[in-house]
């Protein structure tokens, strides 16, 4: 449901916590997550709404300190904190396999259920 129907995305309670250990502009990351989750099929300009927010998103992504590893590290740090605070943790696993054996140009993938089958 979109804002046109009277609903507005509200971030999950854990989202603001991610910025506590982030080594970059984590507030911008939270705003981007809010915008992109609220409209998952929208383009970046559509999701951000205004030109200034769109430009800020691309500037953020182009910053040297903003890397997938840095974003993941902040998330992992806070996930550890959340897991330690609870007695039960559900780990949901998707058993989907992507077989790229017949795509010889694909690199850096592992074995599937047999060493001659490559994929994720």
PDB file of N, CA and C in Angstrom:
ATOM      1  N   UNK A   1       0.845  -1.174   0.000  1.00  0.00           N
ATOM      2  CA  UNK A   1       0.000   0.000   0.000  1.00  0.00           C
ATOM      3  C   UNK A   1       0.893   1.240   0.000  1.00  0.00           C
ATOM      4  N   UNK A   2       0.518   2.232  -0.698  1.00  0.00           N
ATOM      5  CA  UNK A   2       1.335   3.435  -0.810  1.00  0.00           C
ATOM      6  C   UNK A   2       0.773   4.571   0.032  1.00  0.00           C
ATOM      7  N   UNK A   3       1.514   5.680   0.032  1.00  0.00           N
ATOM      8  CA  UNK A   3       1.071   6.865   0.781  1.00  0.00           C
ATOM      9  C   UNK A   3      -0.270   7.362   0.256  1.00  0.00           C
ATOM     10  N   UNK A   4      -0.565   7.097  -1.029  1.00  0.00           N
ATOM     11  CA  UNK A   4      -1.835   7.533  -1.611  1.00  0.00           C
ATOM     12  C   UNK A   4      -3.023   6.872  -0.909  1.00  0.00           C
ATOM     13  N   UNK A   5      -2.788   5.722  -0.291  1.00  0.00           N
ATOM     14  CA  UNK A   5      -3.834   5.005   0.415  1.00  0.00           C
ATOM     15  C   UNK A   5      -3.822   5.314   1.909  1.00  0.00           C
ATOM     16  N   UNK A   6      -3.043   6.297   2.302  1.00  0.00           N
ATOM     17  CA  UNK A   6      -3.027   6.695   3.700  1.00  0.00           C
ATOM     18  C   UNK A   6      -2.030   5.940   4.550  1.00  0.00           C
ATOM     19  N   UNK A   7      -1.175   5.154   3.936  1.00  0.00           N
ATOM     20  CA  UNK A   7      -0.180   4.378   4.676  1.00  0.00           C
ATOM     21  C   UNK A   7       1.198   4.939   4.398  1.00  0.00           C
ATOM     22  N   UNK A   8       2.022   5.026   5.407  1.00  0.00           N
ATOM     23  CA  UNK A   8       3.396   5.513   5.255  1.00  0.00           C
ATOM     24  C   UNK A   8       4.313   4.505   5.899  1.00  0.00           C
ATOM     25  N   UNK A   9       5.372   4.128   5.182  1.00  0.00           N
ATOM     26  CA  UNK A   9       6.366   3.205   5.709  1.00  0.00           C
ATOM     27  C   UNK A   9       6.969   3.753   6.988  1.00  0.00           C
ATOM     28  N   UNK A  10       7.023   2.929   7.999  1.00  0.00           N
ATOM     29  CA  UNK A  10       7.681   3.268   9.248  1.00  0.00           C
ATOM     30  C   UNK A  10       8.841   2.308   9.410  1.00  0.00           C
ATOM     31  N   UNK A  11      10.058   2.807   9.629  1.00  0.00           N
ATOM     32  CA  UNK A  11      11.197   1.900   9.703  1.00  0.00           C
ATOM     33  C   UNK A  11      11.063   0.913  10.857  1.00  0.00           C
ATOM     34  N   UNK A  12      11.632  -0.253  10.646  1.00  0.00           N
ATOM     35  CA  UNK A  12      11.671  -1.246  11.719  1.00  0.00           C
ATOM     36  C   UNK A  12      12.471  -0.679  12.880  1.00  0.00           C
ATOM     37  N   UNK A  13      12.201  -1.147  14.061  1.00  0.00           N
ATOM     38  CA  UNK A  13      12.861  -0.600  15.239  1.00  0.00           C
ATOM     39  C   UNK A  13      14.369  -0.795  15.213  1.00  0.00           C
ATOM     40  N   UNK A  14      14.852  -1.779  14.458  1.00  0.00           N
ATOM     41  CA  UNK A  14      16.288  -2.038  14.435  1.00  0.00           C
ATOM     42  C   UNK A  14      17.040  -1.135  13.465  1.00  0.00           C
ATOM     43  N   UNK A  15      16.366  -0.506  12.515  1.00  0.00           N
ATOM     44  CA  UNK A  15      17.057   0.270  11.487  1.00  0.00           C
ATOM     45  C   UNK A  15      17.913   1.401  12.063  1.00  0.00           C
ATOM     46  N   UNK A  16      17.402   2.253  12.946  1.00  0.00           N
ATOM     47  CA  UNK A  16      18.253   3.316  13.485  1.00  0.00           C
ATOM     48  C   UNK A  16      19.451   2.807  14.277  1.00  0.00           C
ATOM     49  N   UNK A  17      19.349   1.613  14.853  1.00  0.00           N
ATOM     50  CA  UNK A  17      20.471   1.063  15.612  1.00  0.00           C
ATOM     51  C   UNK A  17      21.674   0.754  14.729  1.00  0.00           C
ATOM     52  N   UNK A  18      21.434   0.501  13.460  1.00  0.00           N
ATOM     53  CA  UNK A  18      22.529   0.127  12.563  1.00  0.00           C
ATOM     54  C   UNK A  18      23.585   1.217  12.474  1.00  0.00           C
ATOM     55  N   UNK A  19      23.187   2.454  12.635  1.00  0.00           N
ATOM     56  CA  UNK A  19      24.134   3.553  12.470  1.00  0.00           C
ATOM     57  C   UNK A  19      25.104   3.684  13.635  1.00  0.00           C
ATOM     58  N   UNK A  20      24.838   3.018  14.743  1.00  0.00           N
ATOM     59  CA  UNK A  20      25.672   3.182  15.926  1.00  0.00           C
ATOM     60  C   UNK A  20      27.129   2.807  15.689  1.00  0.00           C
ATOM     61  N   UNK A  21      27.394   1.799  14.864  1.00  0.00           N
ATOM     62  CA  UNK A  21      28.776   1.400  14.617  1.00  0.00           C
ATOM     63  C   UNK A  21      29.206   1.647  13.171  1.00  0.00           C
ATOM     64  N   UNK A  22      28.383   2.306  12.394  1.00  0.00           N
ATOM     65  CA  UNK A  22      28.739   2.575  10.996  1.00  0.00           C
ATOM     66  C   UNK A  22      29.829   3.638  10.923  1.00  0.00           C
ATOM     67  N   UNK A  23      30.776   3.408  10.022  1.00  0.00           N
ATOM     68  CA  UNK A  23      31.914   4.321   9.879  1.00  0.00           C
ATOM     69  C   UNK A  23      31.706   5.302   8.731  1.00  0.00           C
ATOM     70  N   UNK A  24      30.467   5.672   8.479  1.00  0.00           N
ATOM     71  CA  UNK A  24      30.152   6.590   7.381  1.00  0.00           C
ATOM     72  C   UNK A  24      28.840   7.285   7.707  1.00  0.00           C
ATOM     73  N   UNK A  25      28.292   8.027   6.762  1.00  0.00           N
ATOM     74  CA  UNK A  25      27.054   8.777   6.986  1.00  0.00           C
ATOM     75  C   UNK A  25      25.853   7.880   7.137  1.00  0.00           C
ATOM     76  N   UNK A  26      25.713   7.267   8.285  1.00  0.00           N
ATOM     77  CA  UNK A  26      24.673   6.268   8.494  1.00  0.00           C
ATOM     78  C   UNK A  26      23.264   6.848   8.474  1.00  0.00           C
ATOM     79  N   UNK A  27      23.099   8.118   8.835  1.00  0.00           N
ATOM     80  CA  UNK A  27      21.763   8.705   8.780  1.00  0.00           C
ATOM     81  C   UNK A  27      21.256   8.723   7.339  1.00  0.00           C
ATOM     82  N   UNK A  28      22.122   9.035   6.404  1.00  0.00           N
ATOM     83  CA  UNK A  28      21.741   9.009   4.989  1.00  0.00           C
ATOM     84  C   UNK A  28      21.347   7.598   4.577  1.00  0.00           C
ATOM     85  N   UNK A  29      22.069   6.595   5.058  1.00  0.00           N
ATOM     86  CA  UNK A  29      21.730   5.204   4.757  1.00  0.00           C
ATOM     87  C   UNK A  29      20.330   4.877   5.259  1.00  0.00           C
ATOM     88  N   UNK A  30      20.005   5.307   6.460  1.00  0.00           N
ATOM     89  CA  UNK A  30      18.681   5.040   7.020  1.00  0.00           C
ATOM     90  C   UNK A  30      17.600   5.710   6.183  1.00  0.00           C
ATOM     91  N   UNK A  31      17.840   6.960   5.774  1.00  0.00           N
ATOM     92  CA  UNK A  31      16.868   7.639   4.914  1.00  0.00           C
ATOM     93  C   UNK A  31      16.695   6.892   3.593  1.00  0.00           C
ATOM     94  N   UNK A  32      17.796   6.430   3.020  1.00  0.00           N
ATOM     95  CA  UNK A  32      17.714   5.688   1.761  1.00  0.00           C
ATOM     96  C   UNK A  32      16.946   4.388   1.935  1.00  0.00           C
ATOM     97  N   UNK A  33      17.242   3.674   3.000  1.00  0.00           N
ATOM     98  CA  UNK A  33      16.516   2.431   3.260  1.00  0.00           C
ATOM     99  C   UNK A  33      15.028   2.721   3.397  1.00  0.00           C
ATOM    100  N   UNK A  34      14.679   3.748   4.155  1.00  0.00           N
ATOM    101  CA  UNK A  34      13.269   4.119   4.310  1.00  0.00           C
ATOM    102  C   UNK A  34      12.623   4.391   2.950  1.00  0.00           C
ATOM    103  N   UNK A  35      13.294   5.201   2.123  1.00  0.00           N
ATOM    104  CA  UNK A  35      12.734   5.561   0.819  1.00  0.00           C
ATOM    105  C   UNK A  35      12.605   4.346  -0.095  1.00  0.00           C
ATOM    106  N   UNK A  36      13.640   3.525  -0.146  1.00  0.00           N
ATOM    107  CA  UNK A  36      13.651   2.397  -1.075  1.00  0.00           C
ATOM    108  C   UNK A  36      12.728   1.272  -0.632  1.00  0.00           C
ATOM    109  N   UNK A  37      12.604   1.039   0.667  1.00  0.00           N
ATOM    110  CA  UNK A  37      11.695  -0.005   1.152  1.00  0.00           C
ATOM    111  C   UNK A  37      10.244   0.415   0.976  1.00  0.00           C
ATOM    112  N   UNK A  38       9.991   1.701   1.113  1.00  0.00           N
ATOM    113  CA  UNK A  38       8.616   2.182   0.947  1.00  0.00           C
ATOM    114  C   UNK A  38       8.121   1.998  -0.478  1.00  0.00           C
ATOM    115  N   UNK A  39       9.046   1.998  -1.444  1.00  0.00           N
ATOM    116  CA  UNK A  39       8.688   1.839  -2.854  1.00  0.00           C
ATOM    117  C   UNK A  39       9.697   0.907  -3.524  1.00  0.00           C
ATOM    118  N   UNK A  40       9.655  -0.373  -3.236  1.00  0.00           N
ATOM    119  CA  UNK A  40      10.690  -1.289  -3.701  1.00  0.00           C
ATOM    120  C   UNK A  40      10.811  -1.444  -5.215  1.00  0.00           C
ATOM    121  N   UNK A  41       9.771  -1.115  -5.960  1.00  0.00           N
ATOM    122  CA  UNK A  41       9.854  -1.250  -7.413  1.00  0.00           C
ATOM    123  C   UNK A  41      10.156   0.076  -8.112  1.00  0.00           C
ATOM    124  N   UNK A  42      10.274   1.129  -7.349  1.00  0.00           N
ATOM    125  CA  UNK A  42      10.516   2.458  -7.923  1.00  0.00           C
ATOM    126  C   UNK A  42      11.995   2.643  -8.256  1.00  0.00           C
ATOM    127  N   UNK A  43      12.268   3.535  -9.182  1.00  0.00           N
ATOM    128  CA  UNK A  43      13.646   3.927  -9.456  1.00  0.00           C
ATOM    129  C   UNK A  43      14.127   4.776  -8.284  1.00  0.00           C
ATOM    130  N   UNK A  44      15.424   5.035  -8.221  1.00  0.00           N
ATOM    131  CA  UNK A  44      15.962   5.859  -7.137  1.00  0.00           C
ATOM    132  C   UNK A  44      15.316   7.254  -7.148  1.00  0.00           C
ATOM    133  N   UNK A  45      15.249   7.945  -8.289  1.00  0.00           N
ATOM    134  CA  UNK A  45      14.599   9.264  -8.269  1.00  0.00           C
ATOM    135  C   UNK A  45      13.140   9.204  -7.816  1.00  0.00           C
ATOM    136  N   UNK A  46      12.419   8.171  -8.234  1.00  0.00           N
ATOM    137  CA  UNK A  46      11.021   8.050  -7.813  1.00  0.00           C
ATOM    138  C   UNK A  46      10.922   7.804  -6.312  1.00  0.00           C
ATOM    139  N   UNK A  47      11.761   6.916  -5.796  1.00  0.00           N
ATOM    140  CA  UNK A  47      11.711   6.583  -4.371  1.00  0.00           C
ATOM    141  C   UNK A  47      12.134   7.762  -3.501  1.00  0.00           C
ATOM    142  N   UNK A  48      13.146   8.498  -3.949  1.00  0.00           N
ATOM    143  CA  UNK A  48      13.646   9.630  -3.152  1.00  0.00           C
ATOM    144  C   UNK A  48      12.707  10.825  -3.206  1.00  0.00           C
ATOM    145  N   UNK A  49      11.965  10.951  -4.290  1.00  0.00           N
ATOM    146  CA  UNK A  49      10.958  12.001  -4.384  1.00  0.00           C
ATOM    147  C   UNK A  49      11.462  13.331  -4.904  1.00  0.00           C
ATOM    148  N   UNK A  50      12.496  13.878  -4.305  1.00  0.00           N
ATOM    149  CA  UNK A  50      13.000  15.198  -4.697  1.00  0.00           C
ATOM    150  C   UNK A  50      14.392  15.066  -5.312  1.00  0.00           C
ATOM    151  N   UNK A  51      14.733  16.027  -6.164  1.00  0.00           N
ATOM    152  CA  UNK A  51      16.041  16.014  -6.810  1.00  0.00           C
ATOM    153  C   UNK A  51      17.166  16.051  -5.770  1.00  0.00           C
ATOM    154  N   UNK A  52      17.021  16.858  -4.732  1.00  0.00           N
ATOM    155  CA  UNK A  52      18.074  16.970  -3.713  1.00  0.00           C
ATOM    156  C   UNK A  52      18.297  15.623  -3.016  1.00  0.00           C
ATOM    157  N   UNK A  53      17.230  14.917  -2.718  1.00  0.00           N
ATOM    158  CA  UNK A  53      17.364  13.612  -2.064  1.00  0.00           C
ATOM    159  C   UNK A  53      17.982  12.589  -3.009  1.00  0.00           C
ATOM    160  N   UNK A  54      17.622  12.648  -4.293  1.00  0.00           N
ATOM    161  CA  UNK A  54      18.198  11.748  -5.283  1.00  0.00           C
ATOM    162  C   UNK A  54      19.699  12.011  -5.424  1.00  0.00           C
ATOM    163  N   UNK A  55      20.070  13.280  -5.538  1.00  0.00           N
ATOM    164  CA  UNK A  55      21.484  13.643  -5.650  1.00  0.00           C
ATOM    165  C   UNK A  55      22.241  13.200  -4.397  1.00  0.00           C
ATOM    166  N   UNK A  56      21.645  13.385  -3.233  1.00  0.00           N
ATOM    167  CA  UNK A  56      22.283  12.962  -1.986  1.00  0.00           C
ATOM    168  C   UNK A  56      22.478  11.446  -1.957  1.00  0.00           C
ATOM    169  N   UNK A  57      21.536  10.702  -2.499  1.00  0.00           N
ATOM    170  CA  UNK A  57      21.665   9.240  -2.547  1.00  0.00           C
ATOM    171  C   UNK A  57      22.870   8.840  -3.397  1.00  0.00           C
ATOM    172  N   UNK A  58      22.982   9.409  -4.585  1.00  0.00           N
ATOM    173  CA  UNK A  58      24.102   9.052  -5.458  1.00  0.00           C
ATOM    174  C   UNK A  58      25.434   9.551  -4.898  1.00  0.00           C
ATOM    175  N   UNK A  59      25.436  10.701  -4.255  1.00  0.00           N
ATOM    176  CA  UNK A  59      26.657  11.200  -3.607  1.00  0.00           C
ATOM    177  C   UNK A  59      27.071  10.261  -2.489  1.00  0.00           C
ATOM    178  N   UNK A  60      26.109   9.807  -1.706  1.00  0.00           N
ATOM    179  CA  UNK A  60      26.373   8.864  -0.624  1.00  0.00           C
ATOM    180  C   UNK A  60      26.992   7.588  -1.171  1.00  0.00           C
ATOM    181  N   UNK A  61      26.368   7.007  -2.206  1.00  0.00           N
ATOM    182  CA  UNK A  61      26.867   5.748  -2.769  1.00  0.00           C
ATOM    183  C   UNK A  61      28.249   5.895  -3.396  1.00  0.00           C
ATOM    184  N   UNK A  62      28.592   7.091  -3.864  1.00  0.00           N
ATOM    185  CA  UNK A  62      29.905   7.315  -4.478  1.00  0.00           C
ATOM    186  C   UNK A  62      31.011   7.595  -3.468  1.00  0.00           C
ATOM    187  N   UNK A  63      30.672   7.798  -2.208  1.00  0.00           N
ATOM    188  CA  UNK A  63      31.679   8.084  -1.185  1.00  0.00           C
ATOM    189  C   UNK A  63      32.574   6.857  -0.985  1.00  0.00           C
ATOM    190  N   UNK A  64      33.879   7.083  -0.872  1.00  0.00           N
ATOM    191  CA  UNK A  64      34.834   5.984  -0.731  1.00  0.00           C
ATOM    192  C   UNK A  64      34.571   5.118   0.494  1.00  0.00           C
ATOM    193  N   UNK A  65      34.152   5.718   1.592  1.00  0.00           N
ATOM    194  CA  UNK A  65      33.956   4.952   2.813  1.00  0.00           C
ATOM    195  C   UNK A  65      32.672   4.139   2.817  1.00  0.00           C
ATOM    196  N   UNK A  66      31.791   4.396   1.867  1.00  0.00           N
ATOM    197  CA  UNK A  66      30.540   3.644   1.785  1.00  0.00           C
ATOM    198  C   UNK A  66      30.775   2.453   0.856  1.00  0.00           C
ATOM    199  N   UNK A  67      30.961   1.311   1.463  1.00  0.00           N
ATOM    200  CA  UNK A  67      31.200   0.077   0.713  1.00  0.00           C
ATOM    201  C   UNK A  67      30.215  -0.983   1.202  1.00  0.00           C
ATOM    202  N   UNK A  68      29.980  -1.994   0.403  1.00  0.00           N
ATOM    203  CA  UNK A  68      29.119  -3.075   0.885  1.00  0.00           C
ATOM    204  C   UNK A  68      29.646  -3.676   2.196  1.00  0.00           C
ATOM    205  N   UNK A  69      30.968  -3.775   2.297  1.00  0.00           N
ATOM    206  CA  UNK A  69      31.565  -4.336   3.510  1.00  0.00           C
ATOM    207  C   UNK A  69      31.281  -3.460   4.735  1.00  0.00           C
ATOM    208  N   UNK A  70      31.363  -2.141   4.563  1.00  0.00           N
ATOM    209  CA  UNK A  70      31.105  -1.230   5.676  1.00  0.00           C
ATOM    210  C   UNK A  70      29.641  -1.277   6.103  1.00  0.00           C
ATOM    211  N   UNK A  71      28.739  -1.326   5.139  1.00  0.00           N
ATOM    212  CA  UNK A  71      27.305  -1.421   5.463  1.00  0.00           C
ATOM    213  C   UNK A  71      27.028  -2.744   6.165  1.00  0.00           C
ATOM    214  N   UNK A  72      27.578  -3.815   5.622  1.00  0.00           N
ATOM    215  CA  UNK A  72      27.383  -5.136   6.207  1.00  0.00           C
ATOM    216  C   UNK A  72      27.979  -5.210   7.620  1.00  0.00           C
ATOM    217  N   UNK A  73      29.157  -4.621   7.836  1.00  0.00           N
ATOM    218  CA  UNK A  73      29.810  -4.660   9.147  1.00  0.00           C
ATOM    219  C   UNK A  73      28.944  -3.994  10.211  1.00  0.00           C
ATOM    220  N   UNK A  74      28.378  -2.842   9.886  1.00  0.00           N
ATOM    221  CA  UNK A  74      27.509  -2.154  10.846  1.00  0.00           C
ATOM    222  C   UNK A  74      26.284  -3.018  11.160  1.00  0.00           C
ATOM    223  N   UNK A  75      25.720  -3.635  10.147  1.00  0.00           N
ATOM    224  CA  UNK A  75      24.556  -4.491  10.341  1.00  0.00           C
ATOM    225  C   UNK A  75      24.933  -5.720  11.176  1.00  0.00           C
ATOM    226  N   UNK A  76      26.076  -6.326  10.884  1.00  0.00           N
ATOM    227  CA  UNK A  76      26.503  -7.508  11.639  1.00  0.00           C
ATOM    228  C   UNK A  76      26.751  -7.175  13.107  1.00  0.00           C
ATOM    229  N   UNK A  77      27.370  -6.030  13.365  1.00  0.00           N
ATOM    230  CA  UNK A  77      27.620  -5.621  14.754  1.00  0.00           C
ATOM    231  C   UNK A  77      26.319  -5.546  15.538  1.00  0.00           C
ATOM    232  N   UNK A  78      25.335  -4.883  14.966  1.00  0.00           N
ATOM    233  CA  UNK A  78      24.066  -4.712  15.671  1.00  0.00           C
ATOM    234  C   UNK A  78      23.262  -6.009  15.727  1.00  0.00           C
ATOM    235  N   UNK A  79      23.425  -6.874  14.733  1.00  0.00           N
ATOM    236  CA  UNK A  79      22.756  -8.185  14.775  1.00  0.00           C
ATOM    237  C   UNK A  79      23.291  -8.993  15.943  1.00  0.00           C
ATOM    238  N   UNK A  80      24.611  -8.951  16.162  1.00  0.00           N
ATOM    239  CA  UNK A  80      25.200  -9.649  17.308  1.00  0.00           C
ATOM    240  C   UNK A  80      24.591  -9.153  18.625  1.00  0.00           C
ATOM    241  N   UNK A  81      24.427  -7.839  18.739  1.00  0.00           N
ATOM    242  CA  UNK A  81      23.848  -7.257  19.952  1.00  0.00           C
ATOM    243  C   UNK A  81      22.420  -7.770  20.146  1.00  0.00           C
ATOM    244  N   UNK A  82      21.635  -7.760  19.076  1.00  0.00           N
ATOM    245  CA  UNK A  82      20.246  -8.216  19.170  1.00  0.00           C
ATOM    246  C   UNK A  82      20.160  -9.701  19.511  1.00  0.00           C
ATOM    247  N   UNK A  83      21.015 -10.521  18.896  1.00  0.00           N
ATOM    248  CA  UNK A  83      20.997 -11.963  19.140  1.00  0.00           C
ATOM    249  C   UNK A  83      21.369 -12.266  20.587  1.00  0.00           C
ATOM    250  N   UNK A  84      22.348 -11.557  21.125  1.00  0.00           N
ATOM    251  CA  UNK A  84      22.781 -11.801  22.498  1.00  0.00           C
ATOM    252  C   UNK A  84      21.699 -11.412  23.511  1.00  0.00           C
ATOM    253  N   UNK A  85      20.775 -10.580  23.101  1.00  0.00           N
ATOM    254  CA  UNK A  85      19.733 -10.104  24.019  1.00  0.00           C
ATOM    255  C   UNK A  85      18.501 -11.010  24.039  1.00  0.00           C
ATOM    256  N   UNK A  86      18.524 -12.100  23.304  1.00  0.00           N
ATOM    257  CA  UNK A  86      17.346 -12.968  23.240  1.00  0.00           C
ATOM    258  C   UNK A  86      17.738 -14.417  23.486  1.00  0.00           C
ATOM    259  N   UNK A  87      16.783 -15.218  23.900  1.00  0.00           N
ATOM    260  CA  UNK A  87      17.077 -16.627  24.168  1.00  0.00           C
ATOM    261  C   UNK A  87      16.788 -17.525  22.970  1.00  0.00           C
ATOM    262  N   UNK A  88      15.992 -17.050  22.022  1.00  0.00           N
ATOM    263  CA  UNK A  88      15.643 -17.849  20.851  1.00  0.00           C
ATOM    264  C   UNK A  88      15.878 -17.038  19.587  1.00  0.00           C
ATOM    265  N   UNK A  89      16.581 -17.649  18.644  1.00  0.00           N
ATOM    266  CA  UNK A  89      16.846 -17.006  17.364  1.00  0.00           C
ATOM    267  C   UNK A  89      16.440 -17.975  16.266  1.00  0.00           C
ATOM    268  N   UNK A  90      15.580 -17.527  15.366  1.00  0.00           N
ATOM    269  CA  UNK A  90      15.202 -18.339  14.218  1.00  0.00           C
ATOM    270  C   UNK A  90      16.105 -17.961  13.049  1.00  0.00           C
ATOM    271  N   UNK A  91      16.705 -18.953  12.425  1.00  0.00           N
ATOM    272  CA  UNK A  91      17.548 -18.715  11.259  1.00  0.00           C
ATOM    273  C   UNK A  91      16.826 -19.343  10.073  1.00  0.00           C
ATOM    274  N   UNK A  92      16.279 -18.490   9.236  1.00  0.00           N
ATOM    275  CA  UNK A  92      15.516 -18.943   8.085  1.00  0.00           C
ATOM    276  C   UNK A  92      16.490 -19.137   6.925  1.00  0.00           C
ATOM    277  N   UNK A  93      16.373 -20.258   6.254  1.00  0.00           N
ATOM    278  CA  UNK A  93      17.322 -20.592   5.191  1.00  0.00           C
ATOM    279  C   UNK A  93      16.566 -20.901   3.904  1.00  0.00           C
ATOM    280  N   UNK A  94      16.994 -20.294   2.845  1.00  0.00           N
ATOM    281  CA  UNK A  94      16.431 -20.544   1.525  1.00  0.00           C
ATOM    282  C   UNK A  94      17.323 -21.564   0.830  1.00  0.00           C
ATOM    283  N   UNK A  95      16.760 -22.648   0.362  1.00  0.00           N
ATOM    284  CA  UNK A  95      17.564 -23.706  -0.250  1.00  0.00           C
ATOM    285  C   UNK A  95      17.682 -23.557  -1.762  1.00  0.00           C
ATOM    286  N   UNK A  96      17.357 -22.398  -2.276  1.00  0.00           N
ATOM    287  CA  UNK A  96      17.462 -22.163  -3.706  1.00  0.00           C
ATOM    288  C   UNK A  96      18.911 -22.241  -4.158  1.00  0.00           C
ATOM    289  N   UNK A  97      19.159 -22.898  -5.272  1.00  0.00           N
ATOM    290  CA  UNK A  97      20.500 -22.970  -5.862  1.00  0.00           C
ATOM    291  C   UNK A  97      20.457 -22.353  -7.255  1.00  0.00           C
ATOM    292  N   UNK A  98      21.479 -21.596  -7.575  1.00  0.00           N
ATOM    293  CA  UNK A  98      21.593 -21.002  -8.907  1.00  0.00           C
ATOM    294  C   UNK A  98      22.749 -21.701  -9.608  1.00  0.00           C
ATOM    295  N   UNK A  99      22.435 -22.454 -10.628  1.00  0.00           N
ATOM    296  CA  UNK A  99      23.427 -23.245 -11.345  1.00  0.00           C
ATOM    297  C   UNK A  99      23.955 -22.453 -12.539  1.00  0.00           C
ATOM    298  N   UNK A 100      25.245 -22.134 -12.530  1.00  0.00           N
ATOM    299  CA  UNK A 100      25.875 -21.397 -13.629  1.00  0.00           C
ATOM    300  C   UNK A 100      26.939 -22.244 -14.325  1.00  0.00           C
ATOM    301  N   UNK A 101      26.832 -23.560 -14.215  1.00  0.00           N
ATOM    302  CA  UNK A 101      27.801 -24.481 -14.806  1.00  0.00           C
ATOM    303  C   UNK A 101      27.981 -24.218 -16.294  1.00  0.00           C
ATOM    304  N   UNK A 102      26.910 -23.933 -17.008  1.00  0.00           N
ATOM    305  CA  UNK A 102      26.977 -23.733 -18.455  1.00  0.00           C
ATOM    306  C   UNK A 102      27.257 -22.299 -18.860  1.00  0.00           C
ATOM    307  N   UNK A 103      27.696 -21.494 -17.926  1.00  0.00           N
ATOM    308  CA  UNK A 103      28.062 -20.109 -18.192  1.00  0.00           C
ATOM    309  C   UNK A 103      29.549 -19.946 -17.880  1.00  0.00           C
ATOM    310  N   UNK A 104      30.431 -20.329 -18.809  1.00  0.00           N
ATOM    311  CA  UNK A 104      31.873 -20.374 -18.524  1.00  0.00           C
ATOM    312  C   UNK A 104      32.490 -19.028 -18.154  1.00  0.00           C
ATOM    313  N   UNK A 105      31.878 -17.923 -18.524  1.00  0.00           N
ATOM    314  CA  UNK A 105      32.453 -16.610 -18.192  1.00  0.00           C
ATOM    315  C   UNK A 105      32.219 -16.227 -16.734  1.00  0.00           C
ATOM    316  N   UNK A 106      31.327 -16.942 -16.049  1.00  0.00           N
ATOM    317  CA  UNK A 106      31.037 -16.635 -14.653  1.00  0.00           C
ATOM    318  C   UNK A 106      32.213 -17.071 -13.788  1.00  0.00           C
ATOM    319  N   UNK A 107      32.674 -16.166 -12.936  1.00  0.00           N
ATOM    320  CA  UNK A 107      33.832 -16.445 -12.090  1.00  0.00           C
ATOM    321  C   UNK A 107      33.471 -16.319 -10.618  1.00  0.00           C
ATOM    322  N   UNK A 108      34.325 -16.878  -9.781  1.00  0.00           N
ATOM    323  CA  UNK A 108      34.217 -16.748  -8.322  1.00  0.00           C
ATOM    324  C   UNK A 108      32.921 -17.297  -7.746  1.00  0.00           C
ATOM    325  N   UNK A 109      32.500 -18.449  -8.246  1.00  0.00           N
ATOM    326  CA  UNK A 109      31.366 -19.139  -7.648  1.00  0.00           C
ATOM    327  C   UNK A 109      31.855 -20.471  -7.109  1.00  0.00           C
ATOM    328  N   UNK A 110      31.117 -21.055  -6.223  1.00  0.00           N
ATOM    329  CA  UNK A 110      31.533 -22.303  -5.602  1.00  0.00           C
ATOM    330  C   UNK A 110      30.864 -23.510  -6.216  1.00  0.00           C
ATOM    331  N   UNK A 111      31.169 -24.659  -5.610  1.00  0.00           N
ATOM    332  CA  UNK A 111      30.547 -25.909  -6.029  1.00  0.00           C
ATOM    333  C   UNK A 111      29.137 -25.981  -5.475  1.00  0.00           C
ATOM    334  N   UNK A 112      28.278 -26.639  -6.228  1.00  0.00           N
ATOM    335  CA  UNK A 112      26.941 -26.925  -5.706  1.00  0.00           C
ATOM    336  C   UNK A 112      27.011 -28.276  -5.007  1.00  0.00           C
ATOM    337  N   UNK A 113      26.154 -29.200  -5.350  1.00  0.00           N
ATOM    338  CA  UNK A 113      26.183 -30.506  -4.674  1.00  0.00           C
ATOM    339  C   UNK A 113      27.192 -31.470  -5.285  1.00  0.00           C
ATOM    340  N   UNK A 114      27.929 -31.022  -6.319  1.00  0.00           N
ATOM    341  CA  UNK A 114      28.947 -31.854  -6.980  1.00  0.00           C
ATOM    342  C   UNK A 114      30.031 -30.912  -7.492  1.00  0.00           C
ATOM    343  N   UNK A 115      31.306 -31.315  -7.419  1.00  0.00           N
ATOM    344  CA  UNK A 115      32.398 -30.423  -7.846  1.00  0.00           C
ATOM    345  C   UNK A 115      32.306 -29.948  -9.304  1.00  0.00           C
ATOM    346  N   UNK A 116      31.566 -30.665 -10.141  1.00  0.00           N
ATOM    347  CA  UNK A 116      31.435 -30.258 -11.535  1.00  0.00           C
ATOM    348  C   UNK A 116      30.249 -29.343 -11.762  1.00  0.00           C
ATOM    349  N   UNK A 117      29.467 -29.089 -10.726  1.00  0.00           N
ATOM    350  CA  UNK A 117      28.338 -28.163 -10.821  1.00  0.00           C
ATOM    351  C   UNK A 117      28.721 -26.901 -10.074  1.00  0.00           C
ATOM    352  N   UNK A 118      28.703 -25.759 -10.772  1.00  0.00           N
ATOM    353  CA  UNK A 118      29.135 -24.480 -10.213  1.00  0.00           C
ATOM    354  C   UNK A 118      27.937 -23.570 -10.020  1.00  0.00           C
ATOM    355  N   UNK A 119      27.972 -22.771  -8.962  1.00  0.00           N
ATOM    356  CA  UNK A 119      26.888 -21.823  -8.750  1.00  0.00           C
ATOM    357  C   UNK A 119      26.851 -21.275  -7.339  1.00  0.00           C
ATOM    358  N   UNK A 120      25.680 -20.792  -6.989  1.00  0.00           N
ATOM    359  CA  UNK A 120      25.446 -20.198  -5.675  1.00  0.00           C
ATOM    360  C   UNK A 120      24.353 -20.956  -4.974  1.00  0.00           C
TER     361      UNK A 120
END
